[in-house]
Amino acid sequence: MDVLLISVIVLLMFFVFPYVSSRFNDAVNDSHRIIEVTGDHLCVRQFAAQRILKLRGKSLSVSDIIRIQYATQLPQGICVSLFNKSDAAVDFWVSELQLKAIQSTLRKACPLAIVERT
């Protein structure tokens, strides 16, 4: 019985957990799940739960975004801040792997926004 239990645990560790982890990472880091552009609106999903479950995130008007700021890489990833005309900001974190896709999407959606790197 102990051998069977150990075998099941080993199979879980080497096959099931990595598969589930990779699916979770794909869902969290997919650029289409982080930012969606629909007409003049930009939907930003800030948190992992919103990205996995495709919940509604914060909706911003593309014409109101005047500045995009990328923070230097931190242990959590890269912080992207979107500032609107009233100087309010929406912050969200992305991995370094998704940064280029996010930058491309934001550049196309907000061509007049000033881009800053800190």
PDB file of N, CA and C in Angstrom:
ATOM      1  N   MET A   1       0.824  -1.196   0.000  1.00  0.00           N
ATOM      2  CA  MET A   1       0.000   0.000   0.000  1.00  0.00           C
ATOM      3  C   MET A   1       0.868   1.260   0.000  1.00  0.00           C
ATOM      4  N   ASP A   2       1.956   1.211   0.772  1.00  0.00           N
ATOM      5  CA  ASP A   2       2.849   2.366   0.825  1.00  0.00           C
ATOM      6  C   ASP A   2       3.510   2.632  -0.527  1.00  0.00           C
ATOM      7  N   VAL A   3       3.837   1.566  -1.232  1.00  0.00           N
ATOM      8  CA  VAL A   3       4.468   1.712  -2.540  1.00  0.00           C
ATOM      9  C   VAL A   3       3.488   2.365  -3.516  1.00  0.00           C
ATOM     10  N   LEU A   4       2.243   1.986  -3.446  1.00  0.00           N
ATOM     11  CA  LEU A   4       1.224   2.575  -4.311  1.00  0.00           C
ATOM     12  C   LEU A   4       1.044   4.064  -4.017  1.00  0.00           C
ATOM     13  N   LEU A   5       0.992   4.413  -2.760  1.00  0.00           N
ATOM     14  CA  LEU A   5       0.854   5.815  -2.364  1.00  0.00           C
ATOM     15  C   LEU A   5       2.049   6.641  -2.828  1.00  0.00           C
ATOM     16  N   ILE A   6       3.233   6.106  -2.645  1.00  0.00           N
ATOM     17  CA  ILE A   6       4.448   6.808  -3.083  1.00  0.00           C
ATOM     18  C   ILE A   6       4.450   6.955  -4.605  1.00  0.00           C
ATOM     19  N   SER A   7       4.022   5.931  -5.317  1.00  0.00           N
ATOM     20  CA  SER A   7       3.964   5.998  -6.781  1.00  0.00           C
ATOM     21  C   SER A   7       2.989   7.073  -7.247  1.00  0.00           C
ATOM     22  N   VAL A   8       1.845   7.159  -6.602  1.00  0.00           N
ATOM     23  CA  VAL A   8       0.861   8.181  -6.961  1.00  0.00           C
ATOM     24  C   VAL A   8       1.417   9.572  -6.703  1.00  0.00           C
ATOM     25  N   ILE A   9       2.070   9.763  -5.579  1.00  0.00           N
ATOM     26  CA  ILE A   9       2.655  11.069  -5.249  1.00  0.00           C
ATOM     27  C   ILE A   9       3.727  11.446  -6.263  1.00  0.00           C
ATOM     28  N   VAL A  10       4.562  10.495  -6.633  1.00  0.00           N
ATOM     29  CA  VAL A  10       5.622  10.766  -7.614  1.00  0.00           C
ATOM     30  C   VAL A  10       5.008  11.127  -8.967  1.00  0.00           C
ATOM     31  N   LEU A  11       3.986  10.401  -9.387  1.00  0.00           N
ATOM     32  CA  LEU A  11       3.320  10.724 -10.649  1.00  0.00           C
ATOM     33  C   LEU A  11       2.701  12.116 -10.612  1.00  0.00           C
ATOM     34  N   LEU A  12       2.082  12.457  -9.505  1.00  0.00           N
ATOM     35  CA  LEU A  12       1.512  13.797  -9.371  1.00  0.00           C
ATOM     36  C   LEU A  12       2.591  14.863  -9.457  1.00  0.00           C
ATOM     37  N   MET A  13       3.699  14.639  -8.768  1.00  0.00           N
ATOM     38  CA  MET A  13       4.775  15.638  -8.740  1.00  0.00           C
ATOM     39  C   MET A  13       5.392  15.859 -10.114  1.00  0.00           C
ATOM     40  N   PHE A  14       5.559  14.795 -10.879  1.00  0.00           N
ATOM     41  CA  PHE A  14       6.289  14.921 -12.138  1.00  0.00           C
ATOM     42  C   PHE A  14       5.412  15.146 -13.365  1.00  0.00           C
ATOM     43  N   PHE A  15       4.124  14.833 -13.281  1.00  0.00           N
ATOM     44  CA  PHE A  15       3.281  14.958 -14.470  1.00  0.00           C
ATOM     45  C   PHE A  15       2.096  15.898 -14.289  1.00  0.00           C
ATOM     46  N   VAL A  16       1.357  15.735 -13.233  1.00  0.00           N
ATOM     47  CA  VAL A  16       0.128  16.507 -13.066  1.00  0.00           C
ATOM     48  C   VAL A  16       0.421  17.937 -12.638  1.00  0.00           C
ATOM     49  N   PHE A  17       1.219  18.133 -11.612  1.00  0.00           N
ATOM     50  CA  PHE A  17       1.491  19.479 -11.108  1.00  0.00           C
ATOM     51  C   PHE A  17       2.158  20.376 -12.146  1.00  0.00           C
ATOM     52  N   PRO A  18       3.168  19.908 -12.883  1.00  0.00           N
ATOM     53  CA  PRO A  18       3.736  20.786 -13.924  1.00  0.00           C
ATOM     54  C   PRO A  18       2.734  21.158 -15.016  1.00  0.00           C
ATOM     55  N   TYR A  19       1.862  20.222 -15.380  1.00  0.00           N
ATOM     56  CA  TYR A  19       0.849  20.518 -16.398  1.00  0.00           C
ATOM     57  C   TYR A  19      -0.114  21.587 -15.901  1.00  0.00           C
ATOM     58  N   VAL A  20      -0.615  21.418 -14.691  1.00  0.00           N
ATOM     59  CA  VAL A  20      -1.548  22.395 -14.124  1.00  0.00           C
ATOM     60  C   VAL A  20      -0.864  23.746 -13.966  1.00  0.00           C
ATOM     61  N   SER A  21       0.373  23.737 -13.528  1.00  0.00           N
ATOM     62  CA  SER A  21       1.123  24.982 -13.353  1.00  0.00           C
ATOM     63  C   SER A  21       1.321  25.701 -14.686  1.00  0.00           C
ATOM     64  N   SER A  22       1.638  24.964 -15.730  1.00  0.00           N
ATOM     65  CA  SER A  22       1.843  25.610 -17.033  1.00  0.00           C
ATOM     66  C   SER A  22       0.535  26.177 -17.575  1.00  0.00           C
ATOM     67  N   ARG A  23      -0.574  25.485 -17.368  1.00  0.00           N
ATOM     68  CA  ARG A  23      -1.868  26.001 -17.815  1.00  0.00           C
ATOM     69  C   ARG A  23      -2.235  27.262 -17.039  1.00  0.00           C
ATOM     70  N   PHE A  24      -1.937  27.268 -15.742  1.00  0.00           N
ATOM     71  CA  PHE A  24      -2.206  28.437 -14.912  1.00  0.00           C
ATOM     72  C   PHE A  24      -1.369  29.619 -15.389  1.00  0.00           C
ATOM     73  N   ASN A  25      -0.082  29.396 -15.650  1.00  0.00           N
ATOM     74  CA  ASN A  25       0.795  30.473 -16.112  1.00  0.00           C
ATOM     75  C   ASN A  25       0.366  30.998 -17.476  1.00  0.00           C
ATOM     76  N   ASP A  26      -0.071  30.106 -18.364  1.00  0.00           N
ATOM     77  CA  ASP A  26      -0.545  30.548 -19.678  1.00  0.00           C
ATOM     78  C   ASP A  26      -1.762  31.447 -19.541  1.00  0.00           C
ATOM     79  N   ALA A  27      -2.667  31.077 -18.652  1.00  0.00           N
ATOM     80  CA  ALA A  27      -3.885  31.878 -18.461  1.00  0.00           C
ATOM     81  C   ALA A  27      -3.570  33.225 -17.835  1.00  0.00           C
ATOM     82  N   VAL A  28      -2.638  33.254 -16.906  1.00  0.00           N
ATOM     83  CA  VAL A  28      -2.316  34.500 -16.209  1.00  0.00           C
ATOM     84  C   VAL A  28      -1.496  35.430 -17.095  1.00  0.00           C
ATOM     85  N   ASN A  29      -0.619  34.889 -17.919  1.00  0.00           N
ATOM     86  CA  ASN A  29       0.312  35.713 -18.686  1.00  0.00           C
ATOM     87  C   ASN A  29      -0.076  35.927 -20.142  1.00  0.00           C
ATOM     88  N   ASP A  30      -1.235  35.485 -20.557  1.00  0.00           N
ATOM     89  CA  ASP A  30      -1.675  35.698 -21.931  1.00  0.00           C
ATOM     90  C   ASP A  30      -2.021  37.176 -22.116  1.00  0.00           C
ATOM     91  N   SER A  31      -1.384  37.811 -23.080  1.00  0.00           N
ATOM     92  CA  SER A  31      -1.578  39.258 -23.254  1.00  0.00           C
ATOM     93  C   SER A  31      -3.020  39.612 -23.601  1.00  0.00           C
ATOM     94  N   HIS A  32      -3.734  38.706 -24.262  1.00  0.00           N
ATOM     95  CA  HIS A  32      -5.137  38.974 -24.599  1.00  0.00           C
ATOM     96  C   HIS A  32      -6.033  38.912 -23.368  1.00  0.00           C
ATOM     97  N   ARG A  33      -5.594  38.209 -22.352  1.00  0.00           N
ATOM     98  CA  ARG A  33      -6.365  38.168 -21.107  1.00  0.00           C
ATOM     99  C   ARG A  33      -6.026  39.353 -20.211  1.00  0.00           C
ATOM    100  N   ILE A  34      -4.890  39.962 -20.420  1.00  0.00           N
ATOM    101  CA  ILE A  34      -4.495  41.115 -19.605  1.00  0.00           C
ATOM    102  C   ILE A  34      -5.154  42.377 -20.139  1.00  0.00           C
ATOM    103  N   ILE A  35      -5.053  42.607 -21.444  1.00  0.00           N
ATOM    104  CA  ILE A  35      -5.605  43.821 -22.062  1.00  0.00           C
ATOM    105  C   ILE A  35      -6.490  43.423 -23.243  1.00  0.00           C
ATOM    106  N   GLU A  36      -7.678  43.985 -23.274  1.00  0.00           N
ATOM    107  CA  GLU A  36      -8.579  43.810 -24.416  1.00  0.00           C
ATOM    108  C   GLU A  36      -8.961  45.184 -24.935  1.00  0.00           C
ATOM    109  N   VAL A  37      -8.819  45.381 -26.227  1.00  0.00           N
ATOM    110  CA  VAL A  37      -9.198  46.644 -26.851  1.00  0.00           C
ATOM    111  C   VAL A  37     -10.462  46.400 -27.668  1.00  0.00           C
ATOM    112  N   THR A  38     -11.509  47.149 -27.334  1.00  0.00           N
ATOM    113  CA  THR A  38     -12.778  47.050 -28.050  1.00  0.00           C
ATOM    114  C   THR A  38     -13.207  48.453 -28.433  1.00  0.00           C
ATOM    115  N   GLY A  39     -13.001  48.807 -29.678  1.00  0.00           N
ATOM    116  CA  GLY A  39     -13.362  50.147 -30.130  1.00  0.00           C
ATOM    117  C   GLY A  39     -12.543  51.199 -29.405  1.00  0.00           C
ATOM    118  N   ASP A  40     -13.227  52.096 -28.692  1.00  0.00           N
ATOM    119  CA  ASP A  40     -12.556  53.170 -27.959  1.00  0.00           C
ATOM    120  C   ASP A  40     -12.341  52.817 -26.487  1.00  0.00           C
ATOM    121  N   HIS A  41     -12.571  51.565 -26.122  1.00  0.00           N
ATOM    122  CA  HIS A  41     -12.416  51.177 -24.723  1.00  0.00           C
ATOM    123  C   HIS A  41     -11.316  50.140 -24.566  1.00  0.00           C
ATOM    124  N   LEU A  42     -10.634  50.252 -23.449  1.00  0.00           N
ATOM    125  CA  LEU A  42      -9.548  49.355 -23.097  1.00  0.00           C
ATOM    126  C   LEU A  42      -9.929  48.693 -21.782  1.00  0.00           C
ATOM    127  N   CYS A  43      -9.972  47.371 -21.761  1.00  0.00           N
ATOM    128  CA  CYS A  43     -10.291  46.629 -20.538  1.00  0.00           C
ATOM    129  C   CYS A  43      -8.989  46.062 -19.989  1.00  0.00           C
ATOM    130  N   VAL A  44      -8.648  46.429 -18.758  1.00  0.00           N
ATOM    131  CA  VAL A  44      -7.420  45.978 -18.116  1.00  0.00           C
ATOM    132  C   VAL A  44      -7.793  45.047 -16.970  1.00  0.00           C
ATOM    133  N   ARG A  45      -7.279  43.830 -17.029  1.00  0.00           N
ATOM    134  CA  ARG A  45      -7.470  42.885 -15.926  1.00  0.00           C
ATOM    135  C   ARG A  45      -6.201  42.918 -15.085  1.00  0.00           C
ATOM    136  N   GLN A  46      -6.318  43.487 -13.891  1.00  0.00           N
ATOM    137  CA  GLN A  46      -5.155  43.724 -13.054  1.00  0.00           C
ATOM    138  C   GLN A  46      -4.701  42.495 -12.281  1.00  0.00           C
ATOM    139  N   PHE A  47      -5.611  41.623 -11.927  1.00  0.00           N
ATOM    140  CA  PHE A  47      -5.302  40.538 -11.001  1.00  0.00           C
ATOM    141  C   PHE A  47      -5.394  39.180 -11.693  1.00  0.00           C
ATOM    142  N   ALA A  48      -4.659  38.207 -11.161  1.00  0.00           N
ATOM    143  CA  ALA A  48      -4.612  36.869 -11.754  1.00  0.00           C
ATOM    144  C   ALA A  48      -5.995  36.229 -11.816  1.00  0.00           C
ATOM    145  N   ALA A  49      -6.801  36.390 -10.789  1.00  0.00           N
ATOM    146  CA  ALA A  49      -8.142  35.787 -10.778  1.00  0.00           C
ATOM    147  C   ALA A  49      -8.996  36.348 -11.912  1.00  0.00           C
ATOM    148  N   GLN A  50      -8.869  37.632 -12.195  1.00  0.00           N
ATOM    149  CA  GLN A  50      -9.619  38.232 -13.302  1.00  0.00           C
ATOM    150  C   GLN A  50      -9.167  37.652 -14.637  1.00  0.00           C
ATOM    151  N   ARG A  51      -7.877  37.396 -14.758  1.00  0.00           N
ATOM    152  CA  ARG A  51      -7.338  36.876 -16.016  1.00  0.00           C
ATOM    153  C   ARG A  51      -7.729  35.420 -16.233  1.00  0.00           C
ATOM    154  N   ILE A  52      -7.674  34.622 -15.182  1.00  0.00           N
ATOM    155  CA  ILE A  52      -8.000  33.203 -15.303  1.00  0.00           C
ATOM    156  C   ILE A  52      -9.474  33.013 -15.620  1.00  0.00           C
ATOM    157  N   LEU A  53     -10.331  33.715 -14.892  1.00  0.00           N
ATOM    158  CA  LEU A  53     -11.776  33.548 -15.038  1.00  0.00           C
ATOM    159  C   LEU A  53     -12.387  34.464 -16.094  1.00  0.00           C
ATOM    160  N   LYS A  54     -11.553  35.277 -16.747  1.00  0.00           N
ATOM    161  CA  LYS A  54     -11.994  36.252 -17.753  1.00  0.00           C
ATOM    162  C   LYS A  54     -13.076  37.175 -17.198  1.00  0.00           C
ATOM    163  N   LEU A  55     -12.859  37.627 -15.970  1.00  0.00           N
ATOM    164  CA  LEU A  55     -13.782  38.562 -15.349  1.00  0.00           C
ATOM    165  C   LEU A  55     -13.580  39.949 -15.929  1.00  0.00           C
ATOM    166  N   ARG A  56     -14.574  40.799 -15.730  1.00  0.00           N
ATOM    167  CA  ARG A  56     -14.473  42.164 -16.220  1.00  0.00           C
ATOM    168  C   ARG A  56     -13.440  42.913 -15.385  1.00  0.00           C
ATOM    169  N   GLY A  57     -12.528  43.571 -16.039  1.00  0.00           N
ATOM    170  CA  GLY A  57     -11.529  44.371 -15.349  1.00  0.00           C
ATOM    171  C   GLY A  57     -11.927  45.832 -15.357  1.00  0.00           C
ATOM    172  N   LYS A  58     -10.936  46.702 -15.249  1.00  0.00           N
ATOM    173  CA  LYS A  58     -11.207  48.137 -15.305  1.00  0.00           C
ATOM    174  C   LYS A  58     -11.316  48.564 -16.762  1.00  0.00           C
ATOM    175  N   SER A  59     -12.336  49.335 -17.042  1.00  0.00           N
ATOM    176  CA  SER A  59     -12.563  49.822 -18.397  1.00  0.00           C
ATOM    177  C   SER A  59     -12.122  51.275 -18.481  1.00  0.00           C
ATOM    178  N   LEU A  60     -11.292  51.563 -19.473  1.00  0.00           N
ATOM    179  CA  LEU A  60     -10.781  52.916 -19.682  1.00  0.00           C
ATOM    180  C   LEU A  60     -11.070  53.342 -21.112  1.00  0.00           C
ATOM    181  N   SER A  61     -11.283  54.613 -21.288  1.00  0.00           N
ATOM    182  CA  SER A  61     -11.428  55.153 -22.631  1.00  0.00           C
ATOM    183  C   SER A  61     -10.031  55.368 -23.210  1.00  0.00           C
ATOM    184  N   VAL A  62      -9.805  54.865 -24.397  1.00  0.00           N
ATOM    185  CA  VAL A  62      -8.485  54.971 -25.026  1.00  0.00           C
ATOM    186  C   VAL A  62      -8.086  56.429 -25.216  1.00  0.00           C
ATOM    187  N   SER A  63      -9.040  57.281 -25.540  1.00  0.00           N
ATOM    188  CA  SER A  63      -8.729  58.693 -25.773  1.00  0.00           C
ATOM    189  C   SER A  63      -8.358  59.426 -24.483  1.00  0.00           C
ATOM    190  N   ASP A  64      -8.704  58.870 -23.324  1.00  0.00           N
ATOM    191  CA  ASP A  64      -8.362  59.502 -22.045  1.00  0.00           C
ATOM    192  C   ASP A  64      -6.963  59.156 -21.556  1.00  0.00           C
ATOM    193  N   ILE A  65      -6.342  58.126 -22.100  1.00  0.00           N
ATOM    194  CA  ILE A  65      -5.010  57.710 -21.648  1.00  0.00           C
ATOM    195  C   ILE A  65      -3.976  58.645 -22.257  1.00  0.00           C
ATOM    196  N   ILE A  66      -3.255  59.360 -21.376  1.00  0.00           N
ATOM    197  CA  ILE A  66      -2.273  60.330 -21.865  1.00  0.00           C
ATOM    198  C   ILE A  66      -0.833  59.894 -21.616  1.00  0.00           C
ATOM    199  N   ARG A  67      -0.639  58.950 -20.687  1.00  0.00           N
ATOM    200  CA  ARG A  67       0.729  58.533 -20.379  1.00  0.00           C
ATOM    201  C   ARG A  67       0.752  57.057 -20.001  1.00  0.00           C
ATOM    202  N   ILE A  68       1.763  56.348 -20.496  1.00  0.00           N
ATOM    203  CA  ILE A  68       1.992  54.943 -20.161  1.00  0.00           C
ATOM    204  C   ILE A  68       3.372  54.864 -19.533  1.00  0.00           C
ATOM    205  N   GLN A  69       3.435  54.288 -18.346  1.00  0.00           N
ATOM    206  CA  GLN A  69       4.709  54.224 -17.626  1.00  0.00           C
ATOM    207  C   GLN A  69       5.050  52.769 -17.330  1.00  0.00           C
ATOM    208  N   TYR A  70       6.295  52.383 -17.650  1.00  0.00           N
ATOM    209  CA  TYR A  70       6.800  51.043 -17.362  1.00  0.00           C
ATOM    210  C   TYR A  70       7.849  51.172 -16.267  1.00  0.00           C
ATOM    211  N   ALA A  71       7.607  50.519 -15.135  1.00  0.00           N
ATOM    212  CA  ALA A  71       8.574  50.560 -14.034  1.00  0.00           C
ATOM    213  C   ALA A  71       9.686  49.559 -14.318  1.00  0.00           C
ATOM    214  N   THR A  72      10.852  49.816 -13.752  1.00  0.00           N
ATOM    215  CA  THR A  72      11.958  48.879 -13.919  1.00  0.00           C
ATOM    216  C   THR A  72      11.560  47.531 -13.350  1.00  0.00           C
ATOM    217  N   GLN A  73      12.223  46.509 -13.835  1.00  0.00           N
ATOM    218  CA  GLN A  73      11.830  45.162 -13.440  1.00  0.00           C
ATOM    219  C   GLN A  73      12.011  44.959 -11.944  1.00  0.00           C
ATOM    220  N   LEU A  74      10.967  44.508 -11.324  1.00  0.00           N
ATOM    221  CA  LEU A  74      10.948  44.200  -9.904  1.00  0.00           C
ATOM    222  C   LEU A  74      10.772  42.693  -9.750  1.00  0.00           C
ATOM    223  N   PRO A  75      10.950  42.158  -8.553  1.00  0.00           N
ATOM    224  CA  PRO A  75      10.774  40.706  -8.383  1.00  0.00           C
ATOM    225  C   PRO A  75       9.390  40.202  -8.805  1.00  0.00           C
ATOM    226  N   GLN A  76       8.361  41.040  -8.676  1.00  0.00           N
ATOM    227  CA  GLN A  76       7.007  40.624  -9.046  1.00  0.00           C
ATOM    228  C   GLN A  76       6.780  40.686 -10.552  1.00  0.00           C
ATOM    229  N   GLY A  77       7.634  41.328 -11.279  1.00  0.00           N
ATOM    230  CA  GLY A  77       7.457  41.528 -12.713  1.00  0.00           C
ATOM    231  C   GLY A  77       7.659  42.990 -13.049  1.00  0.00           C
ATOM    232  N   ILE A  78       6.979  43.463 -14.053  1.00  0.00           N
ATOM    233  CA  ILE A  78       7.095  44.849 -14.500  1.00  0.00           C
ATOM    234  C   ILE A  78       5.754  45.528 -14.278  1.00  0.00           C
ATOM    235  N   CYS A  79       5.793  46.675 -13.627  1.00  0.00           N
ATOM    236  CA  CYS A  79       4.566  47.412 -13.339  1.00  0.00           C
ATOM    237  C   CYS A  79       4.270  48.348 -14.509  1.00  0.00           C
ATOM    238  N   VAL A  80       3.074  48.216 -15.055  1.00  0.00           N
ATOM    239  CA  VAL A  80       2.621  49.091 -16.134  1.00  0.00           C
ATOM    240  C   VAL A  80       1.547  49.996 -15.551  1.00  0.00           C
ATOM    241  N   SER A  81       1.728  51.305 -15.710  1.00  0.00           N
ATOM    242  CA  SER A  81       0.759  52.279 -15.204  1.00  0.00           C
ATOM    243  C   SER A  81       0.172  53.051 -16.373  1.00  0.00           C
ATOM    244  N   LEU A  82      -1.142  53.137 -16.396  1.00  0.00           N
ATOM    245  CA  LEU A  82      -1.853  53.909 -17.416  1.00  0.00           C
ATOM    246  C   LEU A  82      -2.462  55.125 -16.739  1.00  0.00           C
ATOM    247  N   PHE A  83      -2.044  56.317 -17.152  1.00  0.00           N
ATOM    248  CA  PHE A  83      -2.533  57.560 -16.560  1.00  0.00           C
ATOM    249  C   PHE A  83      -3.566  58.188 -17.489  1.00  0.00           C
ATOM    250  N   ASN A  84      -4.665  58.667 -16.906  1.00  0.00           N
ATOM    251  CA  ASN A  84      -5.678  59.339 -17.718  1.00  0.00           C
ATOM    252  C   ASN A  84      -5.581  60.849 -17.534  1.00  0.00           C
ATOM    253  N   LYS A  85      -6.493  61.589 -18.146  1.00  0.00           N
ATOM    254  CA  LYS A  85      -6.430  63.053 -18.137  1.00  0.00           C
ATOM    255  C   LYS A  85      -6.549  63.651 -16.746  1.00  0.00           C
ATOM    256  N   SER A  86      -7.239  62.981 -15.846  1.00  0.00           N
ATOM    257  CA  SER A  86      -7.373  63.502 -14.478  1.00  0.00           C
ATOM    258  C   SER A  86      -6.200  63.069 -13.600  1.00  0.00           C
ATOM    259  N   ASP A  87      -5.162  62.503 -14.192  1.00  0.00           N
ATOM    260  CA  ASP A  87      -3.936  62.055 -13.528  1.00  0.00           C
ATOM    261  C   ASP A  87      -4.168  60.878 -12.585  1.00  0.00           C
ATOM    262  N   ALA A  88      -5.269  60.180 -12.745  1.00  0.00           N
ATOM    263  CA  ALA A  88      -5.487  58.934 -12.009  1.00  0.00           C
ATOM    264  C   ALA A  88      -4.779  57.818 -12.780  1.00  0.00           C
ATOM    265  N   ALA A  89      -4.325  56.804 -12.067  1.00  0.00           N
ATOM    266  CA  ALA A  89      -3.565  55.741 -12.711  1.00  0.00           C
ATOM    267  C   ALA A  89      -4.186  54.377 -12.437  1.00  0.00           C
ATOM    268  N   VAL A  90      -4.029  53.493 -13.403  1.00  0.00           N
ATOM    269  CA  VAL A  90      -4.380  52.084 -13.240  1.00  0.00           C
ATOM    270  C   VAL A  90      -3.077  51.314 -13.381  1.00  0.00           C
ATOM    271  N   ASP A  91      -2.718  50.575 -12.345  1.00  0.00           N
ATOM    272  CA  ASP A  91      -1.477  49.806 -12.339  1.00  0.00           C
ATOM    273  C   ASP A  91      -1.784  48.327 -12.497  1.00  0.00           C
ATOM    274  N   PHE A  92      -0.933  47.637 -13.250  1.00  0.00           N
ATOM    275  CA  PHE A  92      -1.023  46.184 -13.330  1.00  0.00           C
ATOM    276  C   PHE A  92       0.371  45.632 -13.601  1.00  0.00           C
ATOM    277  N   TRP A  93       0.568  44.387 -13.210  1.00  0.00           N
ATOM    278  CA  TRP A  93       1.868  43.741 -13.322  1.00  0.00           C
ATOM    279  C   TRP A  93       1.861  42.747 -14.471  1.00  0.00           C
ATOM    280  N   VAL A  94       2.962  42.716 -15.213  1.00  0.00           N
ATOM    281  CA  VAL A  94       3.122  41.737 -16.287  1.00  0.00           C
ATOM    282  C   VAL A  94       4.491  41.090 -16.153  1.00  0.00           C
ATOM    283  N   SER A  95       4.616  39.894 -16.710  1.00  0.00           N
ATOM    284  CA  SER A  95       5.915  39.235 -16.704  1.00  0.00           C
ATOM    285  C   SER A  95       6.766  39.806 -17.833  1.00  0.00           C
ATOM    286  N   GLU A  96       8.038  39.590 -17.736  1.00  0.00           N
ATOM    287  CA  GLU A  96       8.954  40.089 -18.768  1.00  0.00           C
ATOM    288  C   GLU A  96       8.662  39.427 -20.123  1.00  0.00           C
ATOM    289  N   LEU A  97       8.166  38.199 -20.085  1.00  0.00           N
ATOM    290  CA  LEU A  97       7.853  37.486 -21.319  1.00  0.00           C
ATOM    291  C   LEU A  97       6.715  38.146 -22.094  1.00  0.00           C
ATOM    292  N   GLN A  98       5.780  38.770 -21.400  1.00  0.00           N
ATOM    293  CA  GLN A  98       4.619  39.371 -22.046  1.00  0.00           C
ATOM    294  C   GLN A  98       4.767  40.863 -22.305  1.00  0.00           C
ATOM    295  N   LEU A  99       5.870  41.446 -21.884  1.00  0.00           N
ATOM    296  CA  LEU A  99       6.032  42.894 -21.987  1.00  0.00           C
ATOM    297  C   LEU A  99       5.945  43.393 -23.427  1.00  0.00           C
ATOM    298  N   LYS A 100       6.603  42.728 -24.363  1.00  0.00           N
ATOM    299  CA  LYS A 100       6.590  43.195 -25.757  1.00  0.00           C
ATOM    300  C   LYS A 100       5.185  43.156 -26.351  1.00  0.00           C
ATOM    301  N   ALA A 101       4.430  42.103 -26.044  1.00  0.00           N
ATOM    302  CA  ALA A 101       3.058  42.003 -26.558  1.00  0.00           C
ATOM    303  C   ALA A 101       2.178  43.094 -25.954  1.00  0.00           C
ATOM    304  N   ILE A 102       2.360  43.372 -24.670  1.00  0.00           N
ATOM    305  CA  ILE A 102       1.585  44.420 -24.000  1.00  0.00           C
ATOM    306  C   ILE A 102       1.958  45.785 -24.572  1.00  0.00           C
ATOM    307  N   GLN A 103       3.259  46.031 -24.763  1.00  0.00           N
ATOM    308  CA  GLN A 103       3.705  47.302 -25.332  1.00  0.00           C
ATOM    309  C   GLN A 103       3.132  47.500 -26.734  1.00  0.00           C
ATOM    310  N   SER A 104       3.137  46.463 -27.530  1.00  0.00           N
ATOM    311  CA  SER A 104       2.604  46.552 -28.890  1.00  0.00           C
ATOM    312  C   SER A 104       1.109  46.863 -28.875  1.00  0.00           C
ATOM    313  N   THR A 105       0.374  46.183 -28.010  1.00  0.00           N
ATOM    314  CA  THR A 105      -1.073  46.420 -27.912  1.00  0.00           C
ATOM    315  C   THR A 105      -1.361  47.840 -27.461  1.00  0.00           C
ATOM    316  N   LEU A 106      -0.627  48.313 -26.455  1.00  0.00           N
ATOM    317  CA  LEU A 106      -0.851  49.672 -25.950  1.00  0.00           C
ATOM    318  C   LEU A 106      -0.427  50.725 -26.969  1.00  0.00           C
ATOM    319  N   ARG A 107       0.648  50.462 -27.710  1.00  0.00           N
ATOM    320  CA  ARG A 107       1.114  51.410 -28.727  1.00  0.00           C
ATOM    321  C   ARG A 107       0.074  51.567 -29.834  1.00  0.00           C
ATOM    322  N   LYS A 108      -0.546  50.454 -30.229  1.00  0.00           N
ATOM    323  CA  LYS A 108      -1.582  50.514 -31.270  1.00  0.00           C
ATOM    324  C   LYS A 108      -2.851  51.179 -30.754  1.00  0.00           C
ATOM    325  N   ALA A 109      -3.218  50.871 -29.509  1.00  0.00           N
ATOM    326  CA  ALA A 109      -4.473  51.401 -28.957  1.00  0.00           C
ATOM    327  C   ALA A 109      -4.356  52.868 -28.574  1.00  0.00           C
ATOM    328  N   CYS A 110      -3.194  53.282 -28.066  1.00  0.00           N
ATOM    329  CA  CYS A 110      -2.996  54.657 -27.567  1.00  0.00           C
ATOM    330  C   CYS A 110      -1.788  55.289 -28.249  1.00  0.00           C
ATOM    331  N   PRO A 111      -1.876  55.613 -29.529  1.00  0.00           N
ATOM    332  CA  PRO A 111      -0.698  56.135 -30.231  1.00  0.00           C
ATOM    333  C   PRO A 111      -0.258  57.519 -29.759  1.00  0.00           C
ATOM    334  N   LEU A 112      -1.146  58.296 -29.157  1.00  0.00           N
ATOM    335  CA  LEU A 112      -0.799  59.648 -28.718  1.00  0.00           C
ATOM    336  C   LEU A 112      -0.272  59.701 -27.288  1.00  0.00           C
ATOM    337  N   ALA A 113      -0.318  58.597 -26.584  1.00  0.00           N
ATOM    338  CA  ALA A 113       0.128  58.577 -25.188  1.00  0.00           C
ATOM    339  C   ALA A 113       1.651  58.671 -25.110  1.00  0.00           C
ATOM    340  N   ILE A 114       2.120  59.384 -24.101  1.00  0.00           N
ATOM    341  CA  ILE A 114       3.555  59.517 -23.842  1.00  0.00           C
ATOM    342  C   ILE A 114       4.017  58.260 -23.117  1.00  0.00           C
ATOM    343  N   VAL A 115       5.118  57.672 -23.569  1.00  0.00           N
ATOM    344  CA  VAL A 115       5.640  56.448 -22.961  1.00  0.00           C
ATOM    345  C   VAL A 115       6.863  56.798 -22.128  1.00  0.00           C
ATOM    346  N   GLU A 116       6.851  56.344 -20.863  1.00  0.00           N
ATOM    347  CA  GLU A 116       7.976  56.591 -19.953  1.00  0.00           C
ATOM    348  C   GLU A 116       8.470  55.274 -19.384  1.00  0.00           C
ATOM    349  N   ARG A 117       9.770  55.219 -19.161  1.00  0.00           N
ATOM    350  CA  ARG A 117      10.376  54.082 -18.468  1.00  0.00           C
ATOM    351  C   ARG A 117      11.098  54.613 -17.244  1.00  0.00           C
ATOM    352  N   THR A 118      10.806  54.010 -16.107  1.00  0.00           N
ATOM    353  CA  THR A 118      11.468  54.474 -14.870  1.00  0.00           C
ATOM    354  C   THR A 118      12.311  53.389 -14.278  1.00  0.00           C
TER     355      THR A 118
END
